[in-house]
Each structure stands twice: as structure tokens, then as C-alpha cells.
């Protein structure tokens, strides 16, 4: 049996286990992502996010050096489709 992810623990409200894992977290071994990566993930997962916001977050992520592969992962798109869709100026709505 595999351990539940942090997301699963939070979803079920197991705060003691979340705390235990955070206390033992090795930050030196963590994968570091630019803050724009996080903002893009938030915008992409919010069904109310307008397309212009997601486009702006993709642009910020690219400026921060986030790869098209990673952007595709965050948006649930293949790398080539993410680049084709967002590697152009945003169109006004």
C-alpha cells in the first residue's frame, strides 16, 4: 500500500500527518520551481480564470525560465500544443 499524498491528507483533514511530514521534510532535496509556476497552476485549475489570465501567467512563467514541457504539464497539454497556443501575444477579449 502506498502512502497518501499531501494533497490527499489535506483533502481528508489529516493535519497531524501533514504536520509530521512537514517537520521531516528535507528542503535541500526539494525540487524548486519559480513562483510563476505556482501562479500558473492556480490559474489553470480555477475554472473561473479567464483565458487572458492564464496567458499572462504562461508569459510570466516563460520569463522565469519555466520550460514549455512544464507549462504543458501544468495545463494538461502536450508541450507542443502549449507552446503553439501560448507563444503568441494574448488576444483582447
PDB file of N, CA and C in Angstrom:
ATOM      1  N   UNK A   1       0.851  -1.176   0.000  1.00  0.00           N
ATOM      2  CA  UNK A   1       0.000   0.000   0.000  1.00  0.00           C
ATOM      3  C   UNK A   1       0.896   1.238   0.000  1.00  0.00           C
ATOM      4  N   UNK A   2       0.576   2.191  -0.864  1.00  0.00           N
ATOM      5  CA  UNK A   2       1.375   3.405  -0.940  1.00  0.00           C
ATOM      6  C   UNK A   2       0.852   4.446   0.039  1.00  0.00           C
ATOM      7  N   UNK A   3       1.766   5.305   0.454  1.00  0.00           N
ATOM      8  CA  UNK A   3       1.377   6.396   1.353  1.00  0.00           C
ATOM      9  C   UNK A   3       0.525   7.399   0.610  1.00  0.00           C
ATOM     10  N   UNK A   4      -0.459   7.994   1.268  1.00  0.00           N
ATOM     11  CA  UNK A   4      -1.244   9.038   0.605  1.00  0.00           C
ATOM     12  C   UNK A   4      -0.380  10.268   0.360  1.00  0.00           C
ATOM     13  N   UNK A   5      -0.734  11.002  -0.667  1.00  0.00           N
ATOM     14  CA  UNK A   5      -0.018  12.243  -0.975  1.00  0.00           C
ATOM     15  C   UNK A   5      -0.430  13.320   0.030  1.00  0.00           C
ATOM     16  N   UNK A   6       0.342  14.390   0.063  1.00  0.00           N
ATOM     17  CA  UNK A   6      -0.014  15.528   0.927  1.00  0.00           C
ATOM     18  C   UNK A   6      -1.396  16.057   0.544  1.00  0.00           C
ATOM     19  N   UNK A   7      -1.664  16.148  -0.763  1.00  0.00           N
ATOM     20  CA  UNK A   7      -2.977  16.619  -1.212  1.00  0.00           C
ATOM     21  C   UNK A   7      -4.096  15.742  -0.660  1.00  0.00           C
ATOM     22  N   UNK A   8      -3.889  14.436  -0.678  1.00  0.00           N
ATOM     23  CA  UNK A   8      -4.908  13.517  -0.152  1.00  0.00           C
ATOM     24  C   UNK A   8      -5.079  13.693   1.358  1.00  0.00           C
ATOM     25  N   UNK A   9      -3.970  13.882   2.059  1.00  0.00           N
ATOM     26  CA  UNK A   9      -4.053  14.098   3.507  1.00  0.00           C
ATOM     27  C   UNK A   9      -4.809  15.380   3.828  1.00  0.00           C
ATOM     28  N   UNK A  10      -4.526  16.437   3.080  1.00  0.00           N
ATOM     29  CA  UNK A  10      -5.211  17.712   3.298  1.00  0.00           C
ATOM     30  C   UNK A  10      -6.692  17.556   2.988  1.00  0.00           C
ATOM     31  N   UNK A  11      -6.983  16.866   1.895  1.00  0.00           N
ATOM     32  CA  UNK A  11      -8.384  16.677   1.492  1.00  0.00           C
ATOM     33  C   UNK A  11      -9.186  15.963   2.576  1.00  0.00           C
ATOM     34  N   UNK A  12      -8.567  14.999   3.232  1.00  0.00           N
ATOM     35  CA  UNK A  12      -9.312  14.279   4.282  1.00  0.00           C
ATOM     36  C   UNK A  12      -9.105  14.883   5.675  1.00  0.00           C
ATOM     37  N   UNK A  13      -8.321  15.970   5.741  1.00  0.00           N
ATOM     38  CA  UNK A  13      -8.164  16.689   7.002  1.00  0.00           C
ATOM     39  C   UNK A  13      -7.274  16.003   8.023  1.00  0.00           C
ATOM     40  N   UNK A  14      -6.313  15.222   7.558  1.00  0.00           N
ATOM     41  CA  UNK A  14      -5.389  14.531   8.472  1.00  0.00           C
ATOM     42  C   UNK A  14      -4.205  15.449   8.772  1.00  0.00           C
ATOM     43  N   UNK A  15      -4.464  16.490   9.568  1.00  0.00           N
ATOM     44  CA  UNK A  15      -3.476  17.537   9.826  1.00  0.00           C
ATOM     45  C   UNK A  15      -2.291  17.047  10.648  1.00  0.00           C
ATOM     46  N   UNK A  16      -2.493  16.043  11.494  1.00  0.00           N
ATOM     47  CA  UNK A  16      -1.370  15.501  12.266  1.00  0.00           C
ATOM     48  C   UNK A  16      -0.330  14.884  11.329  1.00  0.00           C
ATOM     49  N   UNK A  17      -0.798  14.131  10.328  1.00  0.00           N
ATOM     50  CA  UNK A  17       0.131  13.516   9.380  1.00  0.00           C
ATOM     51  C   UNK A  17       0.775  14.562   8.478  1.00  0.00           C
ATOM     52  N   UNK A  18       0.011  15.572   8.069  1.00  0.00           N
ATOM     53  CA  UNK A  18       0.588  16.663   7.275  1.00  0.00           C
ATOM     54  C   UNK A  18       1.707  17.323   8.070  1.00  0.00           C
ATOM     55  N   UNK A  19       1.450  17.615   9.340  1.00  0.00           N
ATOM     56  CA  UNK A  19       2.456  18.231  10.200  1.00  0.00           C
ATOM     57  C   UNK A  19       3.691  17.365  10.353  1.00  0.00           C
ATOM     58  N   UNK A  20       3.475  16.061  10.550  1.00  0.00           N
ATOM     59  CA  UNK A  20       4.607  15.137  10.702  1.00  0.00           C
ATOM     60  C   UNK A  20       5.474  15.149   9.451  1.00  0.00           C
ATOM     61  N   UNK A  21       4.843  15.102   8.297  1.00  0.00           N
ATOM     62  CA  UNK A  21       5.616  15.103   7.047  1.00  0.00           C
ATOM     63  C   UNK A  21       6.345  16.425   6.844  1.00  0.00           C
ATOM     64  N   UNK A  22       5.709  17.517   7.211  1.00  0.00           N
ATOM     65  CA  UNK A  22       6.360  18.822   7.043  1.00  0.00           C
ATOM     66  C   UNK A  22       7.545  18.965   7.976  1.00  0.00           C
ATOM     67  N   UNK A  23       7.426  18.442   9.193  1.00  0.00           N
ATOM     68  CA  UNK A  23       8.544  18.512  10.144  1.00  0.00           C
ATOM     69  C   UNK A  23       9.747  17.743   9.645  1.00  0.00           C
ATOM     70  N   UNK A  24       9.510  16.671   8.902  1.00  0.00           N
ATOM     71  CA  UNK A  24      10.594  15.817   8.424  1.00  0.00           C
ATOM     72  C   UNK A  24      10.994  16.100   6.978  1.00  0.00           C
ATOM     73  N   UNK A  25      10.473  17.171   6.405  1.00  0.00           N
ATOM     74  CA  UNK A  25      10.742  17.482   5.006  1.00  0.00           C
ATOM     75  C   UNK A  25      12.171  17.961   4.823  1.00  0.00           C
ATOM     76  N   UNK A  26      12.856  17.421   3.845  1.00  0.00           N
ATOM     77  CA  UNK A  26      14.237  17.803   3.553  1.00  0.00           C
ATOM     78  C   UNK A  26      14.236  18.852   2.434  1.00  0.00           C
ATOM     79  N   UNK A  27      14.274  20.121   2.825  1.00  0.00           N
ATOM     80  CA  UNK A  27      14.200  21.200   1.848  1.00  0.00           C
ATOM     81  C   UNK A  27      15.384  21.209   0.893  1.00  0.00           C
ATOM     82  N   UNK A  28      16.524  20.686   1.318  1.00  0.00           N
ATOM     83  CA  UNK A  28      17.681  20.651   0.428  1.00  0.00           C
ATOM     84  C   UNK A  28      17.472  19.692  -0.737  1.00  0.00           C
ATOM     85  N   UNK A  29      16.589  18.719  -0.558  1.00  0.00           N
ATOM     86  CA  UNK A  29      16.323  17.747  -1.616  1.00  0.00           C
ATOM     87  C   UNK A  29      15.086  18.109  -2.440  1.00  0.00           C
ATOM     88  N   UNK A  30      14.419  19.179  -2.089  1.00  0.00           N
ATOM     89  CA  UNK A  30      13.177  19.559  -2.769  1.00  0.00           C
ATOM     90  C   UNK A  30      13.461  20.091  -4.165  1.00  0.00           C
ATOM     91  N   UNK A  31      12.504  19.885  -5.043  1.00  0.00           N
ATOM     92  CA  UNK A  31      12.578  20.470  -6.371  1.00  0.00           C
ATOM     93  C   UNK A  31      12.063  21.895  -6.252  1.00  0.00           C
ATOM     94  N   UNK A  32      12.857  22.822  -6.707  1.00  0.00           N
ATOM     95  CA  UNK A  32      12.461  24.225  -6.608  1.00  0.00           C
ATOM     96  C   UNK A  32      11.881  24.691  -7.940  1.00  0.00           C
ATOM     97  N   UNK A  33      10.748  25.345  -7.864  1.00  0.00           N
ATOM     98  CA  UNK A  33      10.096  25.901  -9.045  1.00  0.00           C
ATOM     99  C   UNK A  33       9.903  27.389  -8.819  1.00  0.00           C
ATOM    100  N   UNK A  34       9.980  28.177  -9.885  1.00  0.00           N
ATOM    101  CA  UNK A  34       9.714  29.608  -9.730  1.00  0.00           C
ATOM    102  C   UNK A  34       8.278  29.837  -9.248  1.00  0.00           C
ATOM    103  N   UNK A  35       8.052  30.956  -8.576  1.00  0.00           N
ATOM    104  CA  UNK A  35       6.716  31.278  -8.072  1.00  0.00           C
ATOM    105  C   UNK A  35       5.718  31.358  -9.218  1.00  0.00           C
ATOM    106  N   UNK A  36       6.175  31.759 -10.406  1.00  0.00           N
ATOM    107  CA  UNK A  36       5.258  31.841 -11.549  1.00  0.00           C
ATOM    108  C   UNK A  36       4.685  30.474 -11.905  1.00  0.00           C
ATOM    109  N   UNK A  37       5.432  29.410 -11.635  1.00  0.00           N
ATOM    110  CA  UNK A  37       4.954  28.045 -11.847  1.00  0.00           C
ATOM    111  C   UNK A  37       3.718  27.803 -10.981  1.00  0.00           C
ATOM    112  N   UNK A  38       3.802  28.222  -9.730  1.00  0.00           N
ATOM    113  CA  UNK A  38       2.692  28.050  -8.795  1.00  0.00           C
ATOM    114  C   UNK A  38       1.492  28.882  -9.220  1.00  0.00           C
ATOM    115  N   UNK A  39       1.737  30.151  -9.602  1.00  0.00           N
ATOM    116  CA  UNK A  39       0.642  31.022 -10.032  1.00  0.00           C
ATOM    117  C   UNK A  39      -0.052  30.461 -11.267  1.00  0.00           C
ATOM    118  N   UNK A  40       0.725  29.916 -12.193  1.00  0.00           N
ATOM    119  CA  UNK A  40       0.142  29.319 -13.392  1.00  0.00           C
ATOM    120  C   UNK A  40      -0.717  28.120 -13.014  1.00  0.00           C
ATOM    121  N   UNK A  41      -0.226  27.302 -12.125  1.00  0.00           N
ATOM    122  CA  UNK A  41      -1.002  26.131 -11.684  1.00  0.00           C
ATOM    123  C   UNK A  41      -2.328  26.570 -11.064  1.00  0.00           C
ATOM    124  N   UNK A  42      -2.300  27.593 -10.237  1.00  0.00           N
ATOM    125  CA  UNK A  42      -3.530  28.096  -9.610  1.00  0.00           C
ATOM    126  C   UNK A  42      -4.505  28.617 -10.655  1.00  0.00           C
ATOM    127  N   UNK A  43      -4.012  29.412 -11.590  1.00  0.00           N
ATOM    128  CA  UNK A  43      -4.891  29.969 -12.626  1.00  0.00           C
ATOM    129  C   UNK A  43      -5.463  28.864 -13.503  1.00  0.00           C
ATOM    130  N   UNK A  44      -4.642  27.892 -13.856  1.00  0.00           N
ATOM    131  CA  UNK A  44      -5.084  26.815 -14.741  1.00  0.00           C
ATOM    132  C   UNK A  44      -6.131  25.930 -14.077  1.00  0.00           C
ATOM    133  N   UNK A  45      -6.072  25.796 -12.750  1.00  0.00           N
ATOM    134  CA  UNK A  45      -7.006  24.913 -12.047  1.00  0.00           C
ATOM    135  C   UNK A  45      -8.259  25.622 -11.565  1.00  0.00           C
ATOM    136  N   UNK A  46      -8.358  26.911 -11.826  1.00  0.00           N
ATOM    137  CA  UNK A  46      -9.555  27.666 -11.441  1.00  0.00           C
ATOM    138  C   UNK A  46     -10.444  27.797 -12.674  1.00  0.00           C
ATOM    139  N   UNK A  47     -11.603  27.129 -12.677  1.00  0.00           N
ATOM    140  CA  UNK A  47     -12.450  27.183 -13.866  1.00  0.00           C
ATOM    141  C   UNK A  47     -12.960  28.591 -14.191  1.00  0.00           C
ATOM    142  N   UNK A  48     -12.841  29.521 -13.244  1.00  0.00           N
ATOM    143  CA  UNK A  48     -13.291  30.893 -13.480  1.00  0.00           C
ATOM    144  C   UNK A  48     -12.184  31.767 -14.069  1.00  0.00           C
ATOM    145  N   UNK A  49     -10.968  31.233 -14.196  1.00  0.00           N
ATOM    146  CA  UNK A  49      -9.859  32.029 -14.732  1.00  0.00           C
ATOM    147  C   UNK A  49     -10.097  32.350 -16.198  1.00  0.00           C
ATOM    148  N   UNK A  50     -10.078  33.627 -16.547  1.00  0.00           N
ATOM    149  CA  UNK A  50     -10.219  33.967 -17.968  1.00  0.00           C
ATOM    150  C   UNK A  50      -8.961  33.571 -18.730  1.00  0.00           C
ATOM    151  N   UNK A  51      -9.126  33.339 -20.010  1.00  0.00           N
ATOM    152  CA  UNK A  51      -8.007  32.947 -20.856  1.00  0.00           C
ATOM    153  C   UNK A  51      -6.855  33.935 -20.823  1.00  0.00           C
ATOM    154  N   UNK A  52      -7.193  35.229 -20.686  1.00  0.00           N
ATOM    155  CA  UNK A  52      -6.143  36.250 -20.655  1.00  0.00           C
ATOM    156  C   UNK A  52      -5.264  36.086 -19.412  1.00  0.00           C
ATOM    157  N   UNK A  53      -5.869  35.693 -18.296  1.00  0.00           N
ATOM    158  CA  UNK A  53      -5.091  35.496 -17.070  1.00  0.00           C
ATOM    159  C   UNK A  53      -4.136  34.318 -17.235  1.00  0.00           C
ATOM    160  N   UNK A  54      -4.633  33.234 -17.769  1.00  0.00           N
ATOM    161  CA  UNK A  54      -3.769  32.064 -17.981  1.00  0.00           C
ATOM    162  C   UNK A  54      -2.645  32.428 -18.946  1.00  0.00           C
ATOM    163  N   UNK A  55      -2.969  33.147 -20.007  1.00  0.00           N
ATOM    164  CA  UNK A  55      -1.944  33.567 -20.967  1.00  0.00           C
ATOM    165  C   UNK A  55      -0.885  34.421 -20.275  1.00  0.00           C
ATOM    166  N   UNK A  56      -1.309  35.353 -19.420  1.00  0.00           N
ATOM    167  CA  UNK A  56      -0.363  36.204 -18.689  1.00  0.00           C
ATOM    168  C   UNK A  56       0.518  35.379 -17.760  1.00  0.00           C
ATOM    169  N   UNK A  57      -0.060  34.361 -17.112  1.00  0.00           N
ATOM    170  CA  UNK A  57       0.722  33.512 -16.214  1.00  0.00           C
ATOM    171  C   UNK A  57       1.712  32.654 -16.990  1.00  0.00           C
ATOM    172  N   UNK A  58       1.320  32.202 -18.188  1.00  0.00           N
ATOM    173  CA  UNK A  58       2.253  31.456 -19.038  1.00  0.00           C
ATOM    174  C   UNK A  58       3.415  32.364 -19.431  1.00  0.00           C
ATOM    175  N   UNK A  59       3.107  33.588 -19.822  1.00  0.00           N
ATOM    176  CA  UNK A  59       4.152  34.540 -20.204  1.00  0.00           C
ATOM    177  C   UNK A  59       5.110  34.786 -19.043  1.00  0.00           C
ATOM    178  N   UNK A  60       4.573  34.964 -17.836  1.00  0.00           N
ATOM    179  CA  UNK A  60       5.422  35.177 -16.650  1.00  0.00           C
ATOM    180  C   UNK A  60       6.274  33.945 -16.368  1.00  0.00           C
ATOM    181  N   UNK A  61       5.684  32.774 -16.535  1.00  0.00           N
ATOM    182  CA  UNK A  61       6.437  31.537 -16.304  1.00  0.00           C
ATOM    183  C   UNK A  61       7.594  31.416 -17.293  1.00  0.00           C
ATOM    184  N   UNK A  62       7.343  31.758 -18.532  1.00  0.00           N
ATOM    185  CA  UNK A  62       8.411  31.700 -19.532  1.00  0.00           C
ATOM    186  C   UNK A  62       9.524  32.683 -19.195  1.00  0.00           C
ATOM    187  N   UNK A  63       9.170  33.894 -18.763  1.00  0.00           N
ATOM    188  CA  UNK A  63      10.180  34.876 -18.362  1.00  0.00           C
ATOM    189  C   UNK A  63      11.027  34.324 -17.215  1.00  0.00           C
ATOM    190  N   UNK A  64      10.400  33.560 -16.316  1.00  0.00           N
ATOM    191  CA  UNK A  64      11.115  32.958 -15.181  1.00  0.00           C
ATOM    192  C   UNK A  64      11.893  31.702 -15.568  1.00  0.00           C
ATOM    193  N   UNK A  65      11.810  31.306 -16.832  1.00  0.00           N
ATOM    194  CA  UNK A  65      12.586  30.157 -17.289  1.00  0.00           C
ATOM    195  C   UNK A  65      11.874  28.826 -17.223  1.00  0.00           C
ATOM    196  N   UNK A  66      10.567  28.823 -17.000  1.00  0.00           N
ATOM    197  CA  UNK A  66       9.808  27.573 -16.962  1.00  0.00           C
ATOM    198  C   UNK A  66       9.727  27.028 -18.387  1.00  0.00           C
ATOM    199  N   UNK A  67       9.997  25.743 -18.544  1.00  0.00           N
ATOM    200  CA  UNK A  67      10.020  25.128 -19.872  1.00  0.00           C
ATOM    201  C   UNK A  67       8.606  24.937 -20.423  1.00  0.00           C
ATOM    202  N   UNK A  68       8.524  24.805 -21.739  1.00  0.00           N
ATOM    203  CA  UNK A  68       7.234  24.515 -22.364  1.00  0.00           C
ATOM    204  C   UNK A  68       6.727  23.151 -21.912  1.00  0.00           C
ATOM    205  N   UNK A  69       7.641  22.234 -21.654  1.00  0.00           N
ATOM    206  CA  UNK A  69       7.225  20.907 -21.158  1.00  0.00           C
ATOM    207  C   UNK A  69       6.499  21.052 -19.827  1.00  0.00           C
ATOM    208  N   UNK A  70       7.088  21.821 -18.902  1.00  0.00           N
ATOM    209  CA  UNK A  70       6.477  22.021 -17.579  1.00  0.00           C
ATOM    210  C   UNK A  70       5.150  22.770 -17.708  1.00  0.00           C
ATOM    211  N   UNK A  71       5.105  23.792 -18.555  1.00  0.00           N
ATOM    212  CA  UNK A  71       3.864  24.536 -18.766  1.00  0.00           C
ATOM    213  C   UNK A  71       2.778  23.592 -19.284  1.00  0.00           C
ATOM    214  N   UNK A  72       3.142  22.736 -20.230  1.00  0.00           N
ATOM    215  CA  UNK A  72       2.187  21.753 -20.735  1.00  0.00           C
ATOM    216  C   UNK A  72       1.678  20.845 -19.630  1.00  0.00           C
ATOM    217  N   UNK A  73       2.577  20.394 -18.750  1.00  0.00           N
ATOM    218  CA  UNK A  73       2.170  19.542 -17.622  1.00  0.00           C
ATOM    219  C   UNK A  73       1.164  20.265 -16.741  1.00  0.00           C
ATOM    220  N   UNK A  74       1.450  21.530 -16.418  1.00  0.00           N
ATOM    221  CA  UNK A  74       0.570  22.306 -15.546  1.00  0.00           C
ATOM    222  C   UNK A  74      -0.792  22.564 -16.175  1.00  0.00           C
ATOM    223  N   UNK A  75      -0.822  22.687 -17.495  1.00  0.00           N
ATOM    224  CA  UNK A  75      -2.064  22.976 -18.194  1.00  0.00           C
ATOM    225  C   UNK A  75      -2.770  21.731 -18.711  1.00  0.00           C
ATOM    226  N   UNK A  76      -2.128  20.583 -18.540  1.00  0.00           N
ATOM    227  CA  UNK A  76      -2.718  19.346 -19.047  1.00  0.00           C
ATOM    228  C   UNK A  76      -2.688  19.261 -20.566  1.00  0.00           C
ATOM    229  N   UNK A  77      -1.637  19.827 -21.154  1.00  0.00           N
ATOM    230  CA  UNK A  77      -1.485  19.847 -22.606  1.00  0.00           C
ATOM    231  C   UNK A  77      -0.147  19.248 -22.998  1.00  0.00           C
ATOM    232  N   UNK A  78      -0.058  18.697 -24.215  1.00  0.00           N
ATOM    233  CA  UNK A  78       1.267  18.314 -24.708  1.00  0.00           C
ATOM    234  C   UNK A  78       2.124  19.566 -24.864  1.00  0.00           C
ATOM    235  N   UNK A  79       3.420  19.400 -24.717  1.00  0.00           N
ATOM    236  CA  UNK A  79       4.357  20.527 -24.800  1.00  0.00           C
ATOM    237  C   UNK A  79       4.143  21.355 -26.065  1.00  0.00           C
ATOM    238  N   UNK A  80       4.050  20.689 -27.210  1.00  0.00           N
ATOM    239  CA  UNK A  80       3.908  21.407 -28.486  1.00  0.00           C
ATOM    240  C   UNK A  80       2.604  22.204 -28.534  1.00  0.00           C
ATOM    241  N   UNK A  81       1.527  21.644 -28.014  1.00  0.00           N
ATOM    242  CA  UNK A  81       0.250  22.360 -28.028  1.00  0.00           C
ATOM    243  C   UNK A  81       0.285  23.574 -27.105  1.00  0.00           C
ATOM    244  N   UNK A  82       0.909  23.424 -25.942  1.00  0.00           N
ATOM    245  CA  UNK A  82       1.039  24.560 -25.022  1.00  0.00           C
ATOM    246  C   UNK A  82       1.820  25.684 -25.679  1.00  0.00           C
ATOM    247  N   UNK A  83       2.916  25.330 -26.331  1.00  0.00           N
ATOM    248  CA  UNK A  83       3.731  26.352 -26.987  1.00  0.00           C
ATOM    249  C   UNK A  83       2.972  26.997 -28.142  1.00  0.00           C
ATOM    250  N   UNK A  84       2.291  26.196 -28.941  1.00  0.00           N
ATOM    251  CA  UNK A  84       1.543  26.743 -30.078  1.00  0.00           C
ATOM    252  C   UNK A  84       0.436  27.680 -29.592  1.00  0.00           C
ATOM    253  N   UNK A  85      -0.238  27.298 -28.517  1.00  0.00           N
ATOM    254  CA  UNK A  85      -1.369  28.091 -28.028  1.00  0.00           C
ATOM    255  C   UNK A  85      -0.929  29.382 -27.335  1.00  0.00           C
ATOM    256  N   UNK A  86       0.194  29.330 -26.577  1.00  0.00           N
ATOM    257  CA  UNK A  86       0.541  30.461 -25.705  1.00  0.00           C
ATOM    258  C   UNK A  86       1.803  31.216 -26.102  1.00  0.00           C
ATOM    259  N   UNK A  87       2.490  30.804 -27.157  1.00  0.00           N
ATOM    260  CA  UNK A  87       3.712  31.510 -27.549  1.00  0.00           C
ATOM    261  C   UNK A  87       3.396  32.629 -28.539  1.00  0.00           C
ATOM    262  N   UNK A  88       2.297  33.322 -28.300  1.00  0.00           N
ATOM    263  CA  UNK A  88       1.869  34.462 -29.096  1.00  0.00           C
ATOM    264  C   UNK A  88       1.270  35.482 -28.142  1.00  0.00           C
ATOM    265  N   UNK A  89       1.213  36.746 -28.522  1.00  0.00           N
ATOM    266  CA  UNK A  89       0.579  37.726 -27.658  1.00  0.00           C
ATOM    267  C   UNK A  89      -0.887  37.366 -27.412  1.00  0.00           C
ATOM    268  N   UNK A  90      -1.371  37.670 -26.218  1.00  0.00           N
ATOM    269  CA  UNK A  90      -2.767  37.401 -25.875  1.00  0.00           C
ATOM    270  C   UNK A  90      -3.677  38.286 -26.718  1.00  0.00           C
ATOM    271  N   UNK A  91      -4.763  37.700 -27.155  1.00  0.00           N
ATOM    272  CA  UNK A  91      -5.745  38.463 -27.917  1.00  0.00           C
ATOM    273  C   UNK A  91      -6.732  39.100 -26.969  1.00  0.00           C
ATOM    274  N   UNK A  92      -7.030  40.391 -27.147  1.00  0.00           N
ATOM    275  CA  UNK A  92      -8.007  41.028 -26.255  1.00  0.00           C
ATOM    276  C   UNK A  92      -9.383  40.413 -26.458  1.00  0.00           C
ATOM    277  N   UNK A  93     -10.143  40.346 -25.361  1.00  0.00           N
ATOM    278  CA  UNK A  93     -11.481  39.745 -25.473  1.00  0.00           C
ATOM    279  C   UNK A  93     -12.525  40.792 -25.761  1.00  0.00           C
TER     280      UNK A  93
END
